[in-house]
Amino acid sequence: LVPAGGSLRLSCEASGLAINTYTMAWFRQAPGNEREFVAGDFRSY
């Protein structure tokens, strides 16, 4: 929980795959909504 205007840092720890060889992305989904794209790193370039 954070106030409007604030900051937050999310982490995604991967196991069983190497992030440097995968496309990695962040999506988000609010209740009743479809999952939407937030940010992506194509092939981890």
Full PDB file with SEQRES, HELIX, SHEET, SSBOND, CRYST1, ORIGX, SCALE, CONECT and MASTER records, all heavy atoms in Angstrom:
SEQRES   1 A   45  LEU VAL PRO ALA GLY GLY SER LEU ARG LEU SER CYS GLU          
SEQRES   2 A   45  ALA SER GLY LEU ALA ILE ASN THR TYR THR MET ALA TRP          
SEQRES   3 A   45  PHE ARG GLN ALA PRO GLY ASN GLU ARG GLU PHE VAL ALA          
SEQRES   4 A   45  GLY ASP PHE ARG SER TYR                                      
HELIX    1 AA1 ILE A   19  THR A   21  5                                   3    
HELIX    2 AA2 PHE A   42  SER A   44  5                                   3    
SHEET    1 AA1 2 MET A  24  ARG A  28  0                                        
SHEET    2 AA1 2 GLU A  36  ASP A  41 -1                                        
CRYST1    1.000    1.000    1.000  90.00  90.00  90.00 P 1           1          
ORIGX1      1.000000  0.000000  0.000000        0.00000                         
ORIGX2      0.000000  1.000000  0.000000        0.00000                         
ORIGX3      0.000000  0.000000  1.000000        0.00000                         
SCALE1      1.000000  0.000000  0.000000        0.00000                         
SCALE2      0.000000  1.000000  0.000000        0.00000                         
SCALE3      0.000000  0.000000  1.000000        0.00000                         
ATOM      1  N   LEU A   1       0.842  -1.186   0.000  1.00  0.00           N  
ATOM      2  CA  LEU A   1       0.000   0.000   0.000  1.00  0.00           C  
ATOM      3  C   LEU A   1       0.877   1.235   0.000  1.00  0.00           C  
ATOM      4  O   LEU A   1       1.788   1.365   0.827  1.00  0.00           O  
ATOM      5  CB  LEU A   1      -0.908  -0.009   1.230  1.00  0.00           C  
ATOM      6  CG  LEU A   1      -1.807   1.202   1.446  1.00  0.00           C  
ATOM      7  CD1 LEU A   1      -2.837   1.308   0.323  1.00  0.00           C  
ATOM      8  CD2 LEU A   1      -2.505   1.093   2.795  1.00  0.00           C  
ATOM      9  N   VAL A   2       0.611   2.149  -0.919  1.00  0.00           N  
ATOM     10  CA  VAL A   2       1.419   3.349  -1.045  1.00  0.00           C  
ATOM     11  C   VAL A   2       0.517   4.529  -1.400  1.00  0.00           C  
ATOM     12  O   VAL A   2      -0.447   4.369  -2.146  1.00  0.00           O  
ATOM     13  CB  VAL A   2       2.530   3.149  -2.107  1.00  0.00           C  
ATOM     14  CG1 VAL A   2       1.933   2.912  -3.483  1.00  0.00           C  
ATOM     15  CG2 VAL A   2       3.494   4.319  -2.127  1.00  0.00           C  
ATOM     16  N   PRO A   3       0.800   5.712  -0.868  1.00  0.00           N  
ATOM     17  CA  PRO A   3      -0.007   6.886  -1.229  1.00  0.00           C  
ATOM     18  C   PRO A   3       0.234   7.312  -2.669  1.00  0.00           C  
ATOM     19  O   PRO A   3       1.295   7.062  -3.243  1.00  0.00           O  
ATOM     20  CB  PRO A   3       0.490   7.965  -0.259  1.00  0.00           C  
ATOM     21  CG  PRO A   3       1.235   7.245   0.810  1.00  0.00           C  
ATOM     22  CD  PRO A   3       1.808   6.041   0.153  1.00  0.00           C  
ATOM     23  N   ALA A   4      -0.747   7.958  -3.259  1.00  0.00           N  
ATOM     24  CA  ALA A   4      -0.565   8.521  -4.585  1.00  0.00           C  
ATOM     25  C   ALA A   4       0.637   9.450  -4.601  1.00  0.00           C  
ATOM     26  O   ALA A   4       0.844  10.232  -3.670  1.00  0.00           O  
ATOM     27  CB  ALA A   4      -1.822   9.264  -5.018  1.00  0.00           C  
ATOM     28  N   GLY A   5       1.432   9.343  -5.654  1.00  0.00           N  
ATOM     29  CA  GLY A   5       2.658  10.106  -5.754  1.00  0.00           C  
ATOM     30  C   GLY A   5       3.873   9.396  -5.206  1.00  0.00           C  
ATOM     31  O   GLY A   5       5.002   9.844  -5.431  1.00  0.00           O  
ATOM     32  N   GLY A   6       3.657   8.298  -4.525  1.00  0.00           N  
ATOM     33  CA  GLY A   6       4.741   7.540  -3.938  1.00  0.00           C  
ATOM     34  C   GLY A   6       5.392   6.591  -4.920  1.00  0.00           C  
ATOM     35  O   GLY A   6       5.057   6.554  -6.106  1.00  0.00           O  
ATOM     36  N   SER A   7       6.327   5.800  -4.396  1.00  0.00           N  
ATOM     37  CA  SER A   7       7.095   4.881  -5.216  1.00  0.00           C  
ATOM     38  C   SER A   7       7.086   3.484  -4.616  1.00  0.00           C  
ATOM     39  O   SER A   7       6.911   3.305  -3.406  1.00  0.00           O  
ATOM     40  CB  SER A   7       8.547   5.353  -5.347  1.00  0.00           C  
ATOM     41  OG  SER A   7       8.638   6.600  -5.999  1.00  0.00           O  
ATOM     42  N   LEU A   8       7.292   2.515  -5.479  1.00  0.00           N  
ATOM     43  CA  LEU A   8       7.347   1.125  -5.070  1.00  0.00           C  
ATOM     44  C   LEU A   8       8.242   0.386  -6.052  1.00  0.00           C  
ATOM     45  O   LEU A   8       8.246   0.703  -7.247  1.00  0.00           O  
ATOM     46  CB  LEU A   8       5.947   0.523  -5.065  1.00  0.00           C  
ATOM     47  CG  LEU A   8       5.608  -0.596  -4.079  1.00  0.00           C  
ATOM     48  CD1 LEU A   8       5.847  -0.152  -2.643  1.00  0.00           C  
ATOM     49  CD2 LEU A   8       4.154  -1.007  -4.263  1.00  0.00           C  
ATOM     50  N   ARG A   9       8.978  -0.590  -5.563  1.00  0.00           N  
ATOM     51  CA  ARG A   9       9.836  -1.400  -6.420  1.00  0.00           C  
ATOM     52  C   ARG A   9       9.429  -2.858  -6.321  1.00  0.00           C  
ATOM     53  O   ARG A   9       9.502  -3.459  -5.247  1.00  0.00           O  
ATOM     54  CB  ARG A   9      11.302  -1.247  -6.023  1.00  0.00           C  
ATOM     55  CG  ARG A   9      12.278  -1.886  -7.014  1.00  0.00           C  
ATOM     56  CD  ARG A   9      13.667  -1.974  -6.413  1.00  0.00           C  
ATOM     57  NE  ARG A   9      14.692  -2.255  -7.411  1.00  0.00           N  
ATOM     58  CZ  ARG A   9      15.919  -2.672  -7.135  1.00  0.00           C  
ATOM     59  NH1 ARG A   9      16.289  -2.843  -5.872  1.00  0.00           N  
ATOM     60  NH2 ARG A   9      16.787  -2.896  -8.111  1.00  0.00           N  
ATOM     61  N   LEU A  10       9.012  -3.417  -7.429  1.00  0.00           N  
ATOM     62  CA  LEU A  10       8.633  -4.816  -7.488  1.00  0.00           C  
ATOM     63  C   LEU A  10       9.812  -5.659  -7.951  1.00  0.00           C  
ATOM     64  O   LEU A  10      10.616  -5.224  -8.769  1.00  0.00           O  
ATOM     65  CB  LEU A  10       7.461  -5.022  -8.440  1.00  0.00           C  
ATOM     66  CG  LEU A  10       6.211  -4.185  -8.194  1.00  0.00           C  
ATOM     67  CD1 LEU A  10       5.127  -4.578  -9.192  1.00  0.00           C  
ATOM     68  CD2 LEU A  10       5.720  -4.341  -6.765  1.00  0.00           C  
ATOM     69  N   SER A  11       9.885  -6.877  -7.439  1.00  0.00           N  
ATOM     70  CA  SER A  11      10.918  -7.820  -7.831  1.00  0.00           C  
ATOM     71  C   SER A  11      10.282  -9.076  -8.394  1.00  0.00           C  
ATOM     72  O   SER A  11       9.206  -9.481  -7.967  1.00  0.00           O  
ATOM     73  CB  SER A  11      11.796  -8.196  -6.634  1.00  0.00           C  
ATOM     74  OG  SER A  11      12.474  -7.076  -6.115  1.00  0.00           O  
ATOM     75  N   CYS A  12      10.962  -9.683  -9.340  1.00  0.00           N  
ATOM     76  CA  CYS A  12      10.544 -10.959  -9.905  1.00  0.00           C  
ATOM     77  C   CYS A  12      11.757 -11.867  -9.946  1.00  0.00           C  
ATOM     78  O   CYS A  12      12.643 -11.692 -10.788  1.00  0.00           O  
ATOM     79  CB  CYS A  12       9.953 -10.768 -11.303  1.00  0.00           C  
ATOM     80  SG  CYS A  12       9.589 -12.313 -12.179  1.00  0.00           S  
ATOM     81  N   GLU A  13      11.800 -12.809  -9.022  1.00  0.00           N  
ATOM     82  CA  GLU A  13      12.905 -13.748  -8.958  1.00  0.00           C  
ATOM     83  C   GLU A  13      12.557 -14.993  -9.753  1.00  0.00           C  
ATOM     84  O   GLU A  13      11.536 -15.629  -9.499  1.00  0.00           O  
ATOM     85  CB  GLU A  13      13.216 -14.107  -7.508  1.00  0.00           C  
ATOM     86  CG  GLU A  13      14.427 -15.005  -7.356  1.00  0.00           C  
ATOM     87  CD  GLU A  13      14.776 -15.294  -5.915  1.00  0.00           C  
ATOM     88  OE1 GLU A  13      14.057 -14.800  -5.019  1.00  0.00           O  
ATOM     89  OE2 GLU A  13      15.765 -16.004  -5.666  1.00  0.00           O  
ATOM     90  N   ALA A  14      13.410 -15.328 -10.704  1.00  0.00           N  
ATOM     91  CA  ALA A  14      13.165 -16.467 -11.573  1.00  0.00           C  
ATOM     92  C   ALA A  14      14.024 -17.656 -11.164  1.00  0.00           C  
ATOM     93  O   ALA A  14      15.179 -17.505 -10.758  1.00  0.00           O  
ATOM     94  CB  ALA A  14      13.451 -16.103 -13.028  1.00  0.00           C  
ATOM     95  N   SER A  15      13.452 -18.833 -11.286  1.00  0.00           N  
ATOM     96  CA  SER A  15      14.190 -20.077 -11.114  1.00  0.00           C  
ATOM     97  C   SER A  15      13.765 -21.036 -12.215  1.00  0.00           C  
ATOM     98  O   SER A  15      12.638 -20.982 -12.697  1.00  0.00           O  
ATOM     99  CB  SER A  15      13.943 -20.692  -9.732  1.00  0.00           C  
ATOM    100  OG  SER A  15      12.564 -20.977  -9.536  1.00  0.00           O  
ATOM    101  N   GLY A  16      14.677 -21.909 -12.615  1.00  0.00           N  
ATOM    102  CA  GLY A  16      14.378 -22.827 -13.693  1.00  0.00           C  
ATOM    103  C   GLY A  16      14.463 -22.211 -15.074  1.00  0.00           C  
ATOM    104  O   GLY A  16      14.236 -22.906 -16.074  1.00  0.00           O  
ATOM    105  N   LEU A  17      14.752 -20.943 -15.152  1.00  0.00           N  
ATOM    106  CA  LEU A  17      14.995 -20.257 -16.404  1.00  0.00           C  
ATOM    107  C   LEU A  17      15.952 -19.115 -16.152  1.00  0.00           C  
ATOM    108  O   LEU A  17      15.988 -18.559 -15.054  1.00  0.00           O  
ATOM    109  CB  LEU A  17      13.695 -19.763 -17.049  1.00  0.00           C  
ATOM    110  CG  LEU A  17      12.873 -18.695 -16.326  1.00  0.00           C  
ATOM    111  CD1 LEU A  17      13.361 -17.294 -16.694  1.00  0.00           C  
ATOM    112  CD2 LEU A  17      11.399 -18.842 -16.671  1.00  0.00           C  
ATOM    113  N   ALA A  18      16.713 -18.780 -17.161  1.00  0.00           N  
ATOM    114  CA  ALA A  18      17.670 -17.686 -17.070  1.00  0.00           C  
ATOM    115  C   ALA A  18      17.063 -16.453 -17.718  1.00  0.00           C  
ATOM    116  O   ALA A  18      16.748 -16.466 -18.908  1.00  0.00           O  
ATOM    117  CB  ALA A  18      18.983 -18.056 -17.742  1.00  0.00           C  
ATOM    118  N   ILE A  19      16.928 -15.389 -16.955  1.00  0.00           N  
ATOM    119  CA  ILE A  19      16.228 -14.219 -17.471  1.00  0.00           C  
ATOM    120  C   ILE A  19      16.952 -13.590 -18.654  1.00  0.00           C  
ATOM    121  O   ILE A  19      16.317 -12.916 -19.467  1.00  0.00           O  
ATOM    122  CB  ILE A  19      16.001 -13.164 -16.369  1.00  0.00           C  
ATOM    123  CG1 ILE A  19      17.340 -12.656 -15.811  1.00  0.00           C  
ATOM    124  CG2 ILE A  19      15.121 -13.733 -15.259  1.00  0.00           C  
ATOM    125  CD1 ILE A  19      17.204 -11.455 -14.905  1.00  0.00           C  
ATOM    126  N   ASN A  20      18.239 -13.803 -18.760  1.00  0.00           N  
ATOM    127  CA  ASN A  20      18.988 -13.204 -19.856  1.00  0.00           C  
ATOM    128  C   ASN A  20      18.726 -13.882 -21.193  1.00  0.00           C  
ATOM    129  O   ASN A  20      19.146 -13.368 -22.238  1.00  0.00           O  
ATOM    130  CB  ASN A  20      20.486 -13.189 -19.553  1.00  0.00           C  
ATOM    131  CG  ASN A  20      21.086 -14.573 -19.452  1.00  0.00           C  
ATOM    132  OD1 ASN A  20      20.511 -15.464 -18.850  1.00  0.00           O  
ATOM    133  ND2 ASN A  20      22.262 -14.751 -20.045  1.00  0.00           N  
ATOM    134  N   THR A  21      18.049 -15.018 -21.194  1.00  0.00           N  
ATOM    135  CA  THR A  21      17.703 -15.710 -22.430  1.00  0.00           C  
ATOM    136  C   THR A  21      16.206 -15.675 -22.721  1.00  0.00           C  
ATOM    137  O   THR A  21      15.771 -16.238 -23.728  1.00  0.00           O  
ATOM    138  CB  THR A  21      18.171 -17.174 -22.393  1.00  0.00           C  
ATOM    139  OG1 THR A  21      17.465 -17.885 -21.372  1.00  0.00           O  
ATOM    140  CG2 THR A  21      19.674 -17.246 -22.138  1.00  0.00           C  
ATOM    141  N   TYR A  22      15.422 -15.037 -21.884  1.00  0.00           N  
ATOM    142  CA  TYR A  22      13.979 -14.977 -22.020  1.00  0.00           C  
ATOM    143  C   TYR A  22      13.495 -13.550 -22.221  1.00  0.00           C  
ATOM    144  O   TYR A  22      14.122 -12.591 -21.758  1.00  0.00           O  
ATOM    145  CB  TYR A  22      13.305 -15.542 -20.767  1.00  0.00           C  
ATOM    146  CG  TYR A  22      13.158 -17.044 -20.767  1.00  0.00           C  
ATOM    147  CD1 TYR A  22      14.267 -17.868 -20.637  1.00  0.00           C  
ATOM    148  CD2 TYR A  22      11.903 -17.637 -20.887  1.00  0.00           C  
ATOM    149  CE1 TYR A  22      14.136 -19.247 -20.639  1.00  0.00           C  
ATOM    150  CE2 TYR A  22      11.758 -19.006 -20.877  1.00  0.00           C  
ATOM    151  CZ  TYR A  22      12.877 -19.810 -20.749  1.00  0.00           C  
ATOM    152  OH  TYR A  22      12.734 -21.178 -20.736  1.00  0.00           O  
ATOM    153  N   THR A  23      12.380 -13.446 -22.920  1.00  0.00           N  
ATOM    154  CA  THR A  23      11.635 -12.206 -22.890  1.00  0.00           C  
ATOM    155  C   THR A  23      10.938 -12.102 -21.541  1.00  0.00           C  
ATOM    156  O   THR A  23      10.243 -13.029 -21.123  1.00  0.00           O  
ATOM    157  CB  THR A  23      10.594 -12.153 -24.014  1.00  0.00           C  
ATOM    158  OG1 THR A  23      11.264 -12.090 -25.271  1.00  0.00           O  
ATOM    159  CG2 THR A  23       9.693 -10.936 -23.870  1.00  0.00           C  
ATOM    160  N   MET A  24      11.148 -11.007 -20.852  1.00  0.00           N  
ATOM    161  CA  MET A  24      10.556 -10.784 -19.543  1.00  0.00           C  
ATOM    162  C   MET A  24       9.608  -9.602 -19.620  1.00  0.00           C  
ATOM    163  O   MET A  24       9.876  -8.627 -20.328  1.00  0.00           O  
ATOM    164  CB  MET A  24      11.637 -10.520 -18.499  1.00  0.00           C  
ATOM    165  CG  MET A  24      12.717 -11.593 -18.402  1.00  0.00           C  
ATOM    166  SD  MET A  24      12.072 -13.210 -17.885  1.00  0.00           S  
ATOM    167  CE  MET A  24      11.435 -12.826 -16.247  1.00  0.00           C  
ATOM    168  N   ALA A  25       8.537  -9.680 -18.869  1.00  0.00           N  
ATOM    169  CA  ALA A  25       7.551  -8.613 -18.921  1.00  0.00           C  
ATOM    170  C   ALA A  25       6.802  -8.504 -17.606  1.00  0.00           C  
ATOM    171  O   ALA A  25       6.784  -9.432 -16.787  1.00  0.00           O  
ATOM    172  CB  ALA A  25       6.565  -8.848 -20.062  1.00  0.00           C  
ATOM    173  N   TRP A  26       6.177  -7.351 -17.429  1.00  0.00           N  
ATOM    174  CA  TRP A  26       5.270  -7.101 -16.320  1.00  0.00           C  
ATOM    175  C   TRP A  26       3.888  -6.808 -16.874  1.00  0.00           C  
ATOM    176  O   TRP A  26       3.739  -6.026 -17.820  1.00  0.00           O  
ATOM    177  CB  TRP A  26       5.739  -5.923 -15.464  1.00  0.00           C  
ATOM    178  CG  TRP A  26       6.966  -6.200 -14.658  1.00  0.00           C  
ATOM    179  CD1 TRP A  26       8.251  -5.936 -14.997  1.00  0.00           C  
ATOM    180  CD2 TRP A  26       7.004  -6.788 -13.351  1.00  0.00           C  
ATOM    181  NE1 TRP A  26       9.100  -6.315 -13.989  1.00  0.00           N  
ATOM    182  CE2 TRP A  26       8.370  -6.846 -12.969  1.00  0.00           C  
ATOM    183  CE3 TRP A  26       6.035  -7.263 -12.473  1.00  0.00           C  
ATOM    184  CZ2 TRP A  26       8.770  -7.370 -11.736  1.00  0.00           C  
ATOM    185  CZ3 TRP A  26       6.442  -7.785 -11.252  1.00  0.00           C  
ATOM    186  CH2 TRP A  26       7.786  -7.831 -10.899  1.00  0.00           C  
ATOM    187  N   PHE A  27       2.901  -7.431 -16.277  1.00  0.00           N  
ATOM    188  CA  PHE A  27       1.506  -7.174 -16.570  1.00  0.00           C  
ATOM    189  C   PHE A  27       0.795  -6.820 -15.273  1.00  0.00           C  
ATOM    190  O   PHE A  27       1.317  -7.054 -14.182  1.00  0.00           O  
ATOM    191  CB  PHE A  27       0.835  -8.394 -17.204  1.00  0.00           C  
ATOM    192  CG  PHE A  27       1.319  -8.711 -18.588  1.00  0.00           C  
ATOM    193  CD1 PHE A  27       2.495  -9.406 -18.793  1.00  0.00           C  
ATOM    194  CD2 PHE A  27       0.587  -8.318 -19.700  1.00  0.00           C  
ATOM    195  CE1 PHE A  27       2.944  -9.707 -20.064  1.00  0.00           C  
ATOM    196  CE2 PHE A  27       1.017  -8.612 -20.981  1.00  0.00           C  
ATOM    197  CZ  PHE A  27       2.199  -9.304 -21.163  1.00  0.00           C  
ATOM    198  N   ARG A  28      -0.391  -6.277 -15.387  1.00  0.00           N  
ATOM    199  CA  ARG A  28      -1.192  -6.007 -14.204  1.00  0.00           C  
ATOM    200  C   ARG A  28      -2.655  -6.273 -14.500  1.00  0.00           C  
ATOM    201  O   ARG A  28      -3.097  -6.226 -15.644  1.00  0.00           O  
ATOM    202  CB  ARG A  28      -0.992  -4.574 -13.700  1.00  0.00           C  
ATOM    203  CG  ARG A  28      -1.512  -3.496 -14.637  1.00  0.00           C  
ATOM    204  CD  ARG A  28      -1.097  -2.122 -14.133  1.00  0.00           C  
ATOM    205  NE  ARG A  28      -1.619  -1.050 -14.971  1.00  0.00           N  
ATOM    206  CZ  ARG A  28      -1.291   0.225 -14.824  1.00  0.00           C  
ATOM    207  NH1 ARG A  28      -0.442   0.596 -13.860  1.00  0.00           N  
ATOM    208  NH2 ARG A  28      -1.816   1.145 -15.629  1.00  0.00           N  
ATOM    209  N   GLN A  29      -3.390  -6.547 -13.441  1.00  0.00           N  
ATOM    210  CA  GLN A  29      -4.802  -6.848 -13.587  1.00  0.00           C  
ATOM    211  C   GLN A  29      -5.557  -6.363 -12.360  1.00  0.00           C  
ATOM    212  O   GLN A  29      -5.258  -6.765 -11.239  1.00  0.00           O  
ATOM    213  CB  GLN A  29      -5.022  -8.348 -13.780  1.00  0.00           C  
ATOM    214  CG  GLN A  29      -6.444  -8.738 -14.117  1.00  0.00           C  
ATOM    215  CD  GLN A  29      -6.550 -10.186 -14.550  1.00  0.00           C  
ATOM    216  OE1 GLN A  29      -5.694 -11.007 -14.237  1.00  0.00           O  
ATOM    217  NE2 GLN A  29      -7.596 -10.506 -15.285  1.00  0.00           N  
ATOM    218  N   ALA A  30      -6.520  -5.499 -12.598  1.00  0.00           N  
ATOM    219  CA  ALA A  30      -7.416  -5.047 -11.553  1.00  0.00           C  
ATOM    220  C   ALA A  30      -8.664  -5.923 -11.554  1.00  0.00           C  
ATOM    221  O   ALA A  30      -9.008  -6.515 -12.582  1.00  0.00           O  
ATOM    222  CB  ALA A  30      -7.788  -3.587 -11.776  1.00  0.00           C  
ATOM    223  N   PRO A  31      -9.361  -6.027 -10.426  1.00  0.00           N  
ATOM    224  CA  PRO A  31     -10.564  -6.856 -10.364  1.00  0.00           C  
ATOM    225  C   PRO A  31     -11.574  -6.489 -11.441  1.00  0.00           C  
ATOM    226  O   PRO A  31     -11.902  -5.315 -11.621  1.00  0.00           O  
ATOM    227  CB  PRO A  31     -11.114  -6.576  -8.969  1.00  0.00           C  
ATOM    228  CG  PRO A  31      -9.914  -6.199  -8.170  1.00  0.00           C  
ATOM    229  CD  PRO A  31      -9.042  -5.430  -9.120  1.00  0.00           C  
ATOM    230  N   GLY A  32     -12.038  -7.483 -12.173  1.00  0.00           N  
ATOM    231  CA  GLY A  32     -13.007  -7.266 -13.225  1.00  0.00           C  
ATOM    232  C   GLY A  32     -12.428  -6.817 -14.544  1.00  0.00           C  
ATOM    233  O   GLY A  32     -13.167  -6.698 -15.533  1.00  0.00           O  
ATOM    234  N   ASN A  33     -11.134  -6.550 -14.573  1.00  0.00           N  
ATOM    235  CA  ASN A  33     -10.482  -6.099 -15.793  1.00  0.00           C  
ATOM    236  C   ASN A  33      -9.618  -7.194 -16.399  1.00  0.00           C  
ATOM    237  O   ASN A  33      -9.252  -8.162 -15.738  1.00  0.00           O  
ATOM    238  CB  ASN A  33      -9.617  -4.870 -15.517  1.00  0.00           C  
ATOM    239  CG  ASN A  33     -10.419  -3.648 -15.156  1.00  0.00           C  
ATOM    240  OD1 ASN A  33     -11.638  -3.617 -15.324  1.00  0.00           O  
ATOM    241  ND2 ASN A  33      -9.744  -2.626 -14.649  1.00  0.00           N  
ATOM    242  N   GLU A  34      -9.286  -7.007 -17.663  1.00  0.00           N  
ATOM    243  CA  GLU A  34      -8.377  -7.920 -18.330  1.00  0.00           C  
ATOM    244  C   GLU A  34      -6.944  -7.611 -17.933  1.00  0.00           C  
ATOM    245  O   GLU A  34      -6.618  -6.495 -17.529  1.00  0.00           O  
ATOM    246  CB  GLU A  34      -8.531  -7.815 -19.848  1.00  0.00           C  
ATOM    247  CG  GLU A  34      -9.878  -8.255 -20.372  1.00  0.00           C  
ATOM    248  CD  GLU A  34      -9.969  -8.202 -21.878  1.00  0.00           C  
ATOM    249  OE1 GLU A  34      -8.993  -7.757 -22.523  1.00  0.00           O  
ATOM    250  OE2 GLU A  34     -11.005  -8.609 -22.421  1.00  0.00           O  
ATOM    251  N   ARG A  35      -6.120  -8.602 -18.052  1.00  0.00           N  
ATOM    252  CA  ARG A  35      -4.714  -8.415 -17.777  1.00  0.00           C  
ATOM    253  C   ARG A  35      -4.106  -7.514 -18.857  1.00  0.00           C  
ATOM    254  O   ARG A  35      -4.303  -7.731 -20.050  1.00  0.00           O  
ATOM    255  CB  ARG A  35      -4.002  -9.762 -17.744  1.00  0.00           C  
ATOM    256  CG  ARG A  35      -2.610  -9.723 -17.161  1.00  0.00           C  
ATOM    257  CD  ARG A  35      -2.151 -11.124 -16.768  1.00  0.00           C  
ATOM    258  NE  ARG A  35      -2.997 -11.694 -15.733  1.00  0.00           N  
ATOM    259  CZ  ARG A  35      -2.747 -12.835 -15.099  1.00  0.00           C  
ATOM    260  NH1 ARG A  35      -1.662 -13.530 -15.403  1.00  0.00           N  
ATOM    261  NH2 ARG A  35      -3.580 -13.283 -14.173  1.00  0.00           N  
ATOM    262  N   GLU A  36      -3.372  -6.500 -18.431  1.00  0.00           N  
ATOM    263  CA  GLU A  36      -2.811  -5.552 -19.373  1.00  0.00           C  
ATOM    264  C   GLU A  36      -1.300  -5.443 -19.240  1.00  0.00           C  
ATOM    265  O   GLU A  36      -0.732  -5.563 -18.149  1.00  0.00           O  
ATOM    266  CB  GLU A  36      -3.451  -4.164 -19.215  1.00  0.00           C  
ATOM    267  CG  GLU A  36      -3.150  -3.479 -17.896  1.00  0.00           C  
ATOM    268  CD  GLU A  36      -3.664  -2.056 -17.840  1.00  0.00           C  
ATOM    269  OE1 GLU A  36      -4.018  -1.500 -18.894  1.00  0.00           O  
ATOM    270  OE2 GLU A  36      -3.715  -1.493 -16.731  1.00  0.00           O  
ATOM    271  N   PHE A  37      -0.679  -5.173 -20.353  1.00  0.00           N  
ATOM    272  CA  PHE A  37       0.763  -5.021 -20.423  1.00  0.00           C  
ATOM    273  C   PHE A  37       1.211  -3.765 -19.701  1.00  0.00           C  
ATOM    274  O   PHE A  37       0.577  -2.712 -19.798  1.00  0.00           O  
ATOM    275  CB  PHE A  37       1.188  -4.966 -21.890  1.00  0.00           C  
ATOM    276  CG  PHE A  37       2.638  -4.664 -22.114  1.00  0.00           C  
ATOM    277  CD1 PHE A  37       3.590  -5.663 -22.044  1.00  0.00           C  
ATOM    278  CD2 PHE A  37       3.051  -3.380 -22.419  1.00  0.00           C  
ATOM    279  CE1 PHE A  37       4.926  -5.397 -22.270  1.00  0.00           C  
ATOM    280  CE2 PHE A  37       4.377  -3.093 -22.653  1.00  0.00           C  
ATOM    281  CZ  PHE A  37       5.317  -4.105 -22.573  1.00  0.00           C  
ATOM    282  N   VAL A  38       2.316  -3.874 -18.990  1.00  0.00           N  
ATOM    283  CA  VAL A  38       2.909  -2.735 -18.302  1.00  0.00           C  
ATOM    284  C   VAL A  38       4.285  -2.406 -18.873  1.00  0.00           C  
ATOM    285  O   VAL A  38       4.547  -1.276 -19.285  1.00  0.00           O  
ATOM    286  CB  VAL A  38       3.025  -2.986 -16.791  1.00  0.00           C  
ATOM    287  CG1 VAL A  38       3.740  -1.823 -16.104  1.00  0.00           C  
ATOM    288  CG2 VAL A  38       1.649  -3.213 -16.178  1.00  0.00           C  
ATOM    289  N   ALA A  39       5.169  -3.387 -18.885  1.00  0.00           N  
ATOM    290  CA  ALA A  39       6.529  -3.182 -19.361  1.00  0.00           C  
ATOM    291  C   ALA A  39       7.095  -4.511 -19.829  1.00  0.00           C  
ATOM    292  O   ALA A  39       6.754  -5.563 -19.296  1.00  0.00           O  
ATOM    293  CB  ALA A  39       7.417  -2.596 -18.271  1.00  0.00           C  
ATOM    294  N   GLY A  40       7.986  -4.464 -20.817  1.00  0.00           N  
ATOM    295  CA  GLY A  40       8.580  -5.683 -21.324  1.00  0.00           C  
ATOM    296  C   GLY A  40       9.991  -5.474 -21.831  1.00  0.00           C  
ATOM    297  O   GLY A  40      10.349  -4.380 -22.278  1.00  0.00           O  
ATOM    298  N   ASP A  41      10.780  -6.531 -21.747  1.00  0.00           N  
ATOM    299  CA  ASP A  41      12.165  -6.542 -22.213  1.00  0.00           C  
ATOM    300  C   ASP A  41      12.287  -7.687 -23.194  1.00  0.00           C  
ATOM    301  O   ASP A  41      12.413  -8.842 -22.796  1.00  0.00           O  
ATOM    302  CB  ASP A  41      13.121  -6.700 -21.031  1.00  0.00           C  
ATOM    303  CG  ASP A  41      14.588  -6.651 -21.434  1.00  0.00           C  
ATOM    304  OD1 ASP A  41      14.896  -6.575 -22.640  1.00  0.00           O  
ATOM    305  OD2 ASP A  41      15.445  -6.680 -20.526  1.00  0.00           O  
ATOM    306  N   PHE A  42      12.236  -7.371 -24.481  1.00  0.00           N  
ATOM    307  CA  PHE A  42      12.223  -8.395 -25.510  1.00  0.00           C  
ATOM    308  C   PHE A  42      13.545  -9.140 -25.555  1.00  0.00           C  
ATOM    309  O   PHE A  42      14.602  -8.528 -25.774  1.00  0.00           O  
ATOM    310  CB  PHE A  42      11.927  -7.771 -26.870  1.00  0.00           C  
ATOM    311  CG  PHE A  42      11.835  -8.761 -27.985  1.00  0.00           C  
ATOM    312  CD1 PHE A  42      10.828  -9.712 -28.004  1.00  0.00           C  
ATOM    313  CD2 PHE A  42      12.753  -8.744 -29.021  1.00  0.00           C  
ATOM    314  CE1 PHE A  42      10.734 -10.629 -29.037  1.00  0.00           C  
ATOM    315  CE2 PHE A  42      12.668  -9.650 -30.055  1.00  0.00           C  
ATOM    316  CZ  PHE A  42      11.653 -10.599 -30.062  1.00  0.00           C  
ATOM    317  N   ARG A  43      13.485 -10.426 -25.322  1.00  0.00           N  
ATOM    318  CA  ARG A  43      14.646 -11.312 -25.306  1.00  0.00           C  
ATOM    319  C   ARG A  43      15.735 -10.834 -24.350  1.00  0.00           C  
ATOM    320  O   ARG A  43      16.889 -11.188 -24.487  1.00  0.00           O  
ATOM    321  CB  ARG A  43      15.210 -11.514 -26.709  1.00  0.00           C  
ATOM    322  CG  ARG A  43      14.249 -12.215 -27.640  1.00  0.00           C  
ATOM    323  CD  ARG A  43      14.821 -12.388 -29.025  1.00  0.00           C  
ATOM    324  NE  ARG A  43      13.889 -13.065 -29.908  1.00  0.00           N  
ATOM    325  CZ  ARG A  43      14.105 -13.298 -31.192  1.00  0.00           C  
ATOM    326  NH1 ARG A  43      15.244 -12.907 -31.756  1.00  0.00           N  
ATOM    327  NH2 ARG A  43      13.187 -13.917 -31.913  1.00  0.00           N  
ATOM    328  N   SER A  44      15.341 -10.012 -23.407  1.00  0.00           N  
ATOM    329  CA  SER A  44      16.244  -9.466 -22.391  1.00  0.00           C  
ATOM    330  C   SER A  44      17.430  -8.731 -23.007  1.00  0.00           C  
ATOM    331  O   SER A  44      18.534  -8.760 -22.462  1.00  0.00           O  
ATOM    332  CB  SER A  44      16.733 -10.573 -21.452  1.00  0.00           C  
ATOM    333  OG  SER A  44      15.665 -11.111 -20.703  1.00  0.00           O  
ATOM    334  N   TYR A  45      17.180  -8.069 -24.126  1.00  0.00           N  
ATOM    335  CA  TYR A  45      18.227  -7.282 -24.771  1.00  0.00           C  
ATOM    336  C   TYR A  45      18.563  -6.009 -24.006  1.00  0.00           C  
ATOM    337  O   TYR A  45      19.609  -5.411 -24.218  1.00  0.00           O  
ATOM    338  CB  TYR A  45      17.811  -6.906 -26.189  1.00  0.00           C  
ATOM    339  CG  TYR A  45      17.853  -8.027 -27.190  1.00  0.00           C  
ATOM    340  CD1 TYR A  45      17.227  -7.885 -28.424  1.00  0.00           C  
ATOM    341  CD2 TYR A  45      18.515  -9.213 -26.933  1.00  0.00           C  
ATOM    342  CE1 TYR A  45      17.257  -8.903 -29.362  1.00  0.00           C  
ATOM    343  CE2 TYR A  45      18.556 -10.235 -27.864  1.00  0.00           C  
ATOM    344  CZ  TYR A  45      17.922 -10.071 -29.077  1.00  0.00           C  
ATOM    345  OH  TYR A  45      17.964 -11.081 -30.019  1.00  0.00           O  
TER     346      TYR A  45                                                      
MASTER        0    0    0    2    2    0    0    6  345    1    0    4          
END                                                                             
